[in-house]
N, C-alpha and C. Protein backbone atom coordinates (compact mmCIF):
# COMPACT_ATOMS: atom_id res chain seq x y z
N MET A 1 -59.17 47.10 13.49
CA MET A 1 -58.53 46.40 12.42
C MET A 1 -58.97 46.99 11.09
N PRO A 2 -58.02 47.36 10.23
CA PRO A 2 -58.44 47.85 8.89
C PRO A 2 -59.12 46.76 8.08
N LYS A 3 -60.19 47.17 7.44
CA LYS A 3 -60.88 46.27 6.55
C LYS A 3 -60.77 46.81 5.11
N TYR A 4 -60.22 46.00 4.21
CA TYR A 4 -60.04 46.38 2.83
C TYR A 4 -61.15 45.80 1.99
N LEU A 5 -61.85 46.67 1.26
CA LEU A 5 -62.91 46.21 0.40
C LEU A 5 -62.43 46.44 -1.07
N PRO A 6 -62.05 45.41 -1.75
CA PRO A 6 -61.47 45.55 -3.11
C PRO A 6 -62.45 46.19 -4.05
N LEU A 7 -61.99 47.13 -4.87
CA LEU A 7 -62.77 47.75 -5.93
C LEU A 7 -62.37 47.06 -7.25
N GLU A 8 -63.39 46.71 -8.03
CA GLU A 8 -63.14 46.14 -9.38
C GLU A 8 -62.79 47.26 -10.30
N ILE A 9 -61.75 47.06 -11.08
CA ILE A 9 -61.33 48.14 -11.99
C ILE A 9 -61.50 47.74 -13.45
N GLY A 10 -61.87 46.49 -13.72
CA GLY A 10 -62.06 46.04 -15.05
C GLY A 10 -60.85 45.56 -15.80
N ILE A 11 -59.70 45.59 -15.14
CA ILE A 11 -58.44 45.10 -15.72
C ILE A 11 -57.60 44.54 -14.58
N LYS A 12 -56.94 43.45 -14.84
CA LYS A 12 -56.02 42.87 -13.87
C LYS A 12 -54.60 43.29 -14.20
N ILE A 13 -53.92 43.77 -13.22
CA ILE A 13 -52.47 44.17 -13.43
C ILE A 13 -51.61 43.59 -12.30
N LYS A 14 -50.37 43.45 -12.58
CA LYS A 14 -49.43 43.00 -11.57
C LYS A 14 -48.97 44.31 -10.83
N THR A 15 -49.63 44.56 -9.73
CA THR A 15 -49.39 45.84 -9.05
C THR A 15 -47.99 45.99 -8.48
N SER A 16 -47.29 44.88 -8.20
CA SER A 16 -45.98 44.95 -7.63
C SER A 16 -45.00 45.54 -8.57
N ILE A 17 -45.30 45.57 -9.89
CA ILE A 17 -44.32 46.20 -10.85
C ILE A 17 -44.99 47.43 -11.53
N SER A 18 -46.05 47.92 -10.95
CA SER A 18 -46.71 49.12 -11.46
C SER A 18 -46.26 50.30 -10.60
N GLY A 19 -46.67 51.53 -10.96
CA GLY A 19 -46.34 52.72 -10.21
C GLY A 19 -47.10 53.91 -10.70
N MET A 20 -47.21 54.90 -9.88
CA MET A 20 -47.92 56.16 -10.21
C MET A 20 -47.01 56.96 -11.11
N ILE A 21 -47.51 57.51 -12.22
CA ILE A 21 -46.68 58.28 -13.14
C ILE A 21 -47.12 59.73 -13.23
N ASP A 22 -48.29 60.08 -12.75
CA ASP A 22 -48.75 61.45 -12.85
C ASP A 22 -49.83 61.67 -11.77
N LEU A 23 -49.87 62.90 -11.20
CA LEU A 23 -50.88 63.30 -10.23
C LEU A 23 -51.19 64.74 -10.46
N ARG A 24 -52.50 65.03 -10.63
CA ARG A 24 -52.95 66.41 -10.87
C ARG A 24 -54.06 66.72 -9.83
N TRP A 25 -53.92 67.89 -9.22
CA TRP A 25 -54.90 68.32 -8.20
C TRP A 25 -55.38 69.73 -8.53
N ARG A 26 -56.67 69.91 -8.62
CA ARG A 26 -57.26 71.25 -8.87
C ARG A 26 -58.54 71.38 -8.08
N ARG A 27 -58.51 72.25 -7.02
CA ARG A 27 -59.68 72.56 -6.24
C ARG A 27 -60.52 71.34 -5.86
N GLY A 28 -59.87 70.37 -5.28
CA GLY A 28 -60.57 69.14 -4.81
C GLY A 28 -60.67 68.10 -5.85
N SER A 29 -60.45 68.39 -7.10
CA SER A 29 -60.46 67.41 -8.16
C SER A 29 -59.07 66.74 -8.25
N LEU A 30 -59.03 65.41 -8.26
CA LEU A 30 -57.77 64.73 -8.27
C LEU A 30 -57.75 63.72 -9.43
N VAL A 31 -56.68 63.69 -10.15
CA VAL A 31 -56.49 62.73 -11.25
C VAL A 31 -55.10 62.10 -11.05
N ALA A 32 -55.05 60.79 -10.99
CA ALA A 32 -53.76 60.07 -10.87
C ALA A 32 -53.71 59.01 -11.92
N ASP A 33 -52.57 58.90 -12.62
CA ASP A 33 -52.36 57.89 -13.65
C ASP A 33 -51.33 56.90 -13.15
N PHE A 34 -51.59 55.60 -13.43
CA PHE A 34 -50.72 54.49 -13.01
C PHE A 34 -50.32 53.66 -14.21
N LEU A 35 -49.06 53.15 -14.22
CA LEU A 35 -48.58 52.28 -15.23
C LEU A 35 -49.39 50.97 -15.30
N ILE A 36 -49.59 50.50 -16.49
CA ILE A 36 -50.12 49.15 -16.68
C ILE A 36 -48.92 48.32 -17.16
N PRO A 37 -48.34 47.44 -16.33
CA PRO A 37 -47.19 46.67 -16.75
C PRO A 37 -47.46 45.91 -18.03
N GLY A 38 -46.53 46.03 -19.00
CA GLY A 38 -46.67 45.34 -20.25
C GLY A 38 -47.52 46.08 -21.29
N ASP A 39 -48.01 47.25 -20.94
CA ASP A 39 -48.86 48.05 -21.88
C ASP A 39 -48.29 49.49 -21.87
N ASP A 40 -47.48 49.81 -22.84
CA ASP A 40 -46.94 51.14 -22.98
C ASP A 40 -47.86 52.20 -23.55
N LEU A 41 -49.04 51.72 -24.04
CA LEU A 41 -49.92 52.63 -24.69
C LEU A 41 -51.04 53.18 -23.80
N ASN A 42 -51.32 52.49 -22.68
CA ASN A 42 -52.46 52.89 -21.83
C ASN A 42 -52.01 53.05 -20.37
N VAL A 43 -52.82 53.73 -19.61
CA VAL A 43 -52.65 53.89 -18.16
C VAL A 43 -53.98 53.65 -17.43
N ILE A 44 -53.87 53.33 -16.19
CA ILE A 44 -55.10 53.34 -15.37
C ILE A 44 -55.22 54.70 -14.78
N ARG A 45 -56.39 55.31 -15.00
CA ARG A 45 -56.63 56.70 -14.48
C ARG A 45 -57.64 56.59 -13.33
N VAL A 46 -57.31 57.23 -12.26
CA VAL A 46 -58.20 57.32 -11.09
C VAL A 46 -58.54 58.79 -10.92
N GLN A 47 -59.84 59.07 -10.88
CA GLN A 47 -60.34 60.43 -10.78
C GLN A 47 -61.29 60.62 -9.60
N PHE A 48 -61.14 61.65 -8.87
CA PHE A 48 -62.07 62.04 -7.80
C PHE A 48 -62.55 63.45 -8.07
N ASP A 49 -63.85 63.71 -7.89
CA ASP A 49 -64.40 65.04 -7.99
C ASP A 49 -64.31 65.78 -6.66
N LYS A 50 -64.35 65.05 -5.58
CA LYS A 50 -64.40 65.67 -4.22
C LYS A 50 -63.35 65.05 -3.30
N ALA A 51 -62.08 65.15 -3.65
CA ALA A 51 -60.98 64.66 -2.81
C ALA A 51 -60.75 65.68 -1.70
N LEU A 52 -60.69 65.21 -0.49
CA LEU A 52 -60.50 66.11 0.65
C LEU A 52 -59.09 66.08 1.19
N ILE A 53 -58.55 64.89 1.34
CA ILE A 53 -57.19 64.71 1.86
C ILE A 53 -56.47 63.68 1.02
N VAL A 54 -55.24 63.93 0.67
CA VAL A 54 -54.45 63.02 -0.16
C VAL A 54 -53.13 62.76 0.50
N ARG A 55 -52.69 61.50 0.47
CA ARG A 55 -51.34 61.18 0.98
C ARG A 55 -50.70 60.21 -0.02
N ILE A 56 -49.44 60.45 -0.29
CA ILE A 56 -48.70 59.55 -1.15
C ILE A 56 -47.48 59.03 -0.36
N LEU A 57 -47.34 57.72 -0.35
CA LEU A 57 -46.21 57.05 0.24
C LEU A 57 -45.35 56.45 -0.82
N ASP A 58 -44.08 56.48 -0.67
CA ASP A 58 -43.16 55.94 -1.70
C ASP A 58 -42.85 54.47 -1.54
N GLU A 59 -43.59 53.77 -0.65
CA GLU A 59 -43.39 52.35 -0.46
C GLU A 59 -44.73 51.77 -0.06
N MET A 60 -44.81 50.44 0.00
CA MET A 60 -46.08 49.81 0.36
C MET A 60 -46.55 50.27 1.80
N PRO A 61 -47.81 50.60 1.94
CA PRO A 61 -48.29 51.16 3.19
C PRO A 61 -48.21 50.19 4.37
N LEU A 62 -48.27 48.94 4.10
CA LEU A 62 -48.27 47.96 5.21
C LEU A 62 -46.97 47.99 5.99
N SER A 63 -45.85 48.40 5.34
CA SER A 63 -44.58 48.44 6.00
C SER A 63 -44.30 49.78 6.71
N THR A 64 -45.13 50.74 6.53
CA THR A 64 -44.91 52.08 7.11
C THR A 64 -45.83 52.46 8.28
N GLU A 65 -46.92 51.69 8.46
CA GLU A 65 -47.86 52.05 9.52
C GLU A 65 -48.01 50.80 10.42
N PHE A 66 -48.03 51.06 11.69
CA PHE A 66 -48.30 49.99 12.61
C PHE A 66 -49.81 49.82 12.75
N GLU A 67 -50.31 48.66 12.39
CA GLU A 67 -51.72 48.31 12.64
C GLU A 67 -51.70 47.16 13.59
N PRO A 68 -52.43 47.25 14.74
CA PRO A 68 -52.30 46.23 15.79
C PRO A 68 -52.78 44.85 15.45
N THR A 69 -53.59 44.74 14.40
CA THR A 69 -54.12 43.44 14.04
C THR A 69 -53.98 43.23 12.53
N PRO A 70 -54.15 42.01 12.04
CA PRO A 70 -54.01 41.77 10.61
C PRO A 70 -55.01 42.60 9.80
N ASN A 71 -54.62 42.86 8.59
CA ASN A 71 -55.46 43.59 7.66
C ASN A 71 -56.45 42.66 7.00
N GLU A 72 -57.73 42.89 7.11
CA GLU A 72 -58.74 42.00 6.53
C GLU A 72 -59.10 42.42 5.13
N GLY A 73 -59.12 41.49 4.20
CA GLY A 73 -59.55 41.75 2.83
C GLY A 73 -58.48 42.06 1.81
N LEU A 74 -57.23 42.14 2.24
CA LEU A 74 -56.17 42.41 1.25
C LEU A 74 -56.07 41.21 0.28
N VAL A 75 -55.92 41.53 -0.98
CA VAL A 75 -55.80 40.53 -2.04
C VAL A 75 -54.44 40.75 -2.73
N SER A 76 -53.69 39.69 -2.94
CA SER A 76 -52.40 39.78 -3.57
C SER A 76 -52.55 40.38 -4.98
N GLU A 77 -51.68 41.34 -5.29
CA GLU A 77 -51.63 42.00 -6.59
C GLU A 77 -52.88 42.76 -6.94
N HIS A 78 -53.65 43.19 -5.91
CA HIS A 78 -54.85 44.00 -6.21
C HIS A 78 -54.49 45.44 -6.04
N PHE A 79 -55.10 46.32 -6.84
CA PHE A 79 -54.74 47.72 -6.98
C PHE A 79 -55.59 48.67 -6.13
N ALA A 80 -56.95 48.51 -6.09
CA ALA A 80 -57.81 49.54 -5.55
C ALA A 80 -58.71 48.99 -4.48
N TYR A 81 -58.81 49.78 -3.39
CA TYR A 81 -59.59 49.42 -2.24
C TYR A 81 -60.36 50.62 -1.67
N ARG A 82 -61.50 50.30 -1.08
CA ARG A 82 -62.11 51.23 -0.13
C ARG A 82 -61.73 50.64 1.25
N VAL A 83 -61.30 51.49 2.15
CA VAL A 83 -60.75 51.01 3.41
C VAL A 83 -61.56 51.55 4.60
N GLU A 84 -61.84 50.66 5.49
CA GLU A 84 -62.57 51.05 6.73
C GLU A 84 -61.61 50.76 7.92
N GLY A 85 -61.59 51.77 8.86
CA GLY A 85 -60.87 51.55 10.12
C GLY A 85 -59.35 51.65 10.09
N ALA A 86 -58.75 52.28 9.06
CA ALA A 86 -57.29 52.38 8.99
C ALA A 86 -56.83 53.58 9.81
N GLN A 87 -55.55 53.53 10.20
CA GLN A 87 -54.93 54.60 10.97
C GLN A 87 -55.04 55.91 10.22
N PHE A 88 -54.88 55.95 8.93
CA PHE A 88 -54.94 57.19 8.17
C PHE A 88 -56.29 57.90 8.37
N TRP A 89 -57.36 57.20 8.42
CA TRP A 89 -58.65 57.77 8.63
C TRP A 89 -58.80 58.23 10.08
N LYS A 90 -58.37 57.33 10.99
CA LYS A 90 -58.52 57.63 12.40
C LYS A 90 -57.74 58.88 12.86
N MET A 91 -56.65 59.16 12.19
CA MET A 91 -55.81 60.28 12.61
C MET A 91 -56.31 61.66 12.09
N GLN A 92 -57.38 61.62 11.29
CA GLN A 92 -57.95 62.88 10.76
C GLN A 92 -58.71 63.60 11.85
N SER A 93 -58.86 64.88 11.67
CA SER A 93 -59.48 65.74 12.73
C SER A 93 -60.96 65.42 12.88
N GLU A 94 -61.47 65.64 14.11
CA GLU A 94 -62.85 65.50 14.40
C GLU A 94 -63.69 66.43 13.53
N ALA A 95 -63.13 67.63 13.28
CA ALA A 95 -63.80 68.60 12.46
C ALA A 95 -64.07 68.06 11.03
N LEU A 96 -63.07 67.40 10.46
CA LEU A 96 -63.22 66.85 9.11
C LEU A 96 -64.33 65.75 9.14
N ARG A 97 -64.24 64.87 10.13
CA ARG A 97 -65.19 63.81 10.19
C ARG A 97 -66.63 64.34 10.39
N ALA A 98 -66.75 65.41 11.15
CA ALA A 98 -68.08 65.99 11.43
C ALA A 98 -68.66 66.66 10.17
N THR A 99 -67.82 67.36 9.48
CA THR A 99 -68.27 68.15 8.30
C THR A 99 -68.37 67.30 7.02
N SER A 100 -67.71 66.16 7.01
CA SER A 100 -67.69 65.31 5.79
C SER A 100 -68.11 63.89 6.18
N ARG A 101 -69.33 63.78 6.69
CA ARG A 101 -69.79 62.50 7.18
C ARG A 101 -69.86 61.38 6.07
N ASN A 102 -70.05 61.83 4.82
CA ASN A 102 -70.14 60.85 3.73
C ASN A 102 -68.76 60.54 3.14
N ALA A 103 -67.71 61.09 3.66
CA ALA A 103 -66.36 60.87 3.14
C ALA A 103 -65.95 59.44 3.42
N GLU A 104 -65.15 58.86 2.52
CA GLU A 104 -64.63 57.51 2.68
C GLU A 104 -63.14 57.51 2.28
N HIS A 105 -62.47 56.49 2.78
CA HIS A 105 -61.02 56.32 2.55
C HIS A 105 -60.80 55.29 1.42
N TYR A 106 -60.00 55.66 0.42
CA TYR A 106 -59.65 54.83 -0.69
C TYR A 106 -58.14 54.69 -0.72
N ARG A 107 -57.68 53.49 -1.09
CA ARG A 107 -56.22 53.26 -1.19
C ARG A 107 -55.89 52.52 -2.51
N PHE A 108 -54.84 53.07 -3.16
CA PHE A 108 -54.38 52.48 -4.42
C PHE A 108 -52.88 52.09 -4.23
N THR A 109 -52.60 50.83 -4.39
CA THR A 109 -51.26 50.36 -4.06
C THR A 109 -50.55 49.80 -5.28
N THR A 110 -49.28 50.08 -5.37
CA THR A 110 -48.38 49.49 -6.41
C THR A 110 -47.09 49.14 -5.70
N GLY A 111 -46.17 48.58 -6.44
CA GLY A 111 -44.90 48.22 -5.89
C GLY A 111 -44.03 49.39 -5.47
N TRP A 112 -44.33 50.59 -6.01
CA TRP A 112 -43.54 51.80 -5.74
C TRP A 112 -44.32 52.83 -4.93
N ASP A 113 -45.63 52.86 -5.02
CA ASP A 113 -46.39 53.95 -4.43
C ASP A 113 -47.66 53.46 -3.73
N CYS A 114 -48.08 54.24 -2.82
CA CYS A 114 -49.45 54.04 -2.23
C CYS A 114 -50.08 55.44 -2.24
N LEU A 115 -51.25 55.47 -2.80
CA LEU A 115 -52.06 56.75 -2.84
C LEU A 115 -53.25 56.54 -1.97
N ASP A 116 -53.33 57.29 -0.85
CA ASP A 116 -54.48 57.25 0.02
C ASP A 116 -55.29 58.55 -0.24
N VAL A 117 -56.60 58.38 -0.35
CA VAL A 117 -57.46 59.54 -0.63
C VAL A 117 -58.68 59.41 0.28
N ILE A 118 -58.98 60.52 1.00
CA ILE A 118 -60.25 60.64 1.68
C ILE A 118 -61.08 61.56 0.80
N ALA A 119 -62.24 61.05 0.40
CA ALA A 119 -63.03 61.76 -0.60
C ALA A 119 -64.50 61.70 -0.26
N ALA A 120 -65.25 62.73 -0.66
CA ALA A 120 -66.69 62.75 -0.50
C ALA A 120 -67.43 62.19 -1.73
N SER A 121 -66.62 61.65 -2.67
CA SER A 121 -67.16 61.03 -3.84
C SER A 121 -66.35 59.76 -4.16
N ALA A 122 -66.98 58.80 -4.79
CA ALA A 122 -66.28 57.54 -5.14
C ALA A 122 -65.39 57.85 -6.34
N PRO A 123 -64.29 57.09 -6.47
CA PRO A 123 -63.43 57.33 -7.64
C PRO A 123 -64.03 56.78 -8.93
N VAL A 124 -63.66 57.38 -10.01
CA VAL A 124 -63.92 56.88 -11.35
C VAL A 124 -62.64 56.28 -11.82
N ILE A 125 -62.62 55.03 -12.13
CA ILE A 125 -61.33 54.33 -12.57
C ILE A 125 -61.56 53.86 -13.98
N THR A 126 -60.66 54.31 -14.87
CA THR A 126 -60.75 53.98 -16.30
C THR A 126 -59.37 53.63 -16.85
N VAL A 127 -59.36 53.02 -18.03
CA VAL A 127 -58.16 52.79 -18.76
C VAL A 127 -58.12 53.84 -19.89
N GLU A 128 -57.05 54.63 -19.89
CA GLU A 128 -56.97 55.73 -20.87
C GLU A 128 -55.66 55.62 -21.68
N ARG A 129 -55.62 56.27 -22.82
CA ARG A 129 -54.44 56.32 -23.65
C ARG A 129 -53.36 57.12 -22.91
N ALA A 130 -52.17 56.56 -22.82
CA ALA A 130 -51.08 57.25 -22.18
C ALA A 130 -50.72 58.53 -22.98
N GLU A 131 -50.35 59.59 -22.30
CA GLU A 131 -49.93 60.81 -23.01
C GLU A 131 -48.70 60.53 -23.81
N GLY A 132 -48.67 61.02 -25.04
CA GLY A 132 -47.53 60.82 -25.93
C GLY A 132 -47.54 59.53 -26.65
N SER A 133 -48.62 58.73 -26.56
CA SER A 133 -48.63 57.46 -27.31
C SER A 133 -49.70 57.49 -28.41
């Protein structure tokens, strides 16, 4: 059973009307920006220094993957989680798991997108000025 461990991000947003607006990847470094509903001047920025595997779904992940039992720890309208025991992690190669023992699975959900990241470092989540504002 997947276990969701909510990450505090310092801001509450209505995730069902948010979405990812930018994604940048450079040699394992990942930066993703998400809309803050009702705030046209700022974005939530998620950064990883050691992202190993990234997956983007264009709809909520709970409707696209079969999980045999209920998901533990999901919070309504919550954005960021560390996830234990999800199918996405289980389907990764034994070689990845052996060489990246400290890697963890993180999930960021909105009404339009789901960003799954397996990373050897925890994310840094900040509120930043939106580009062009």
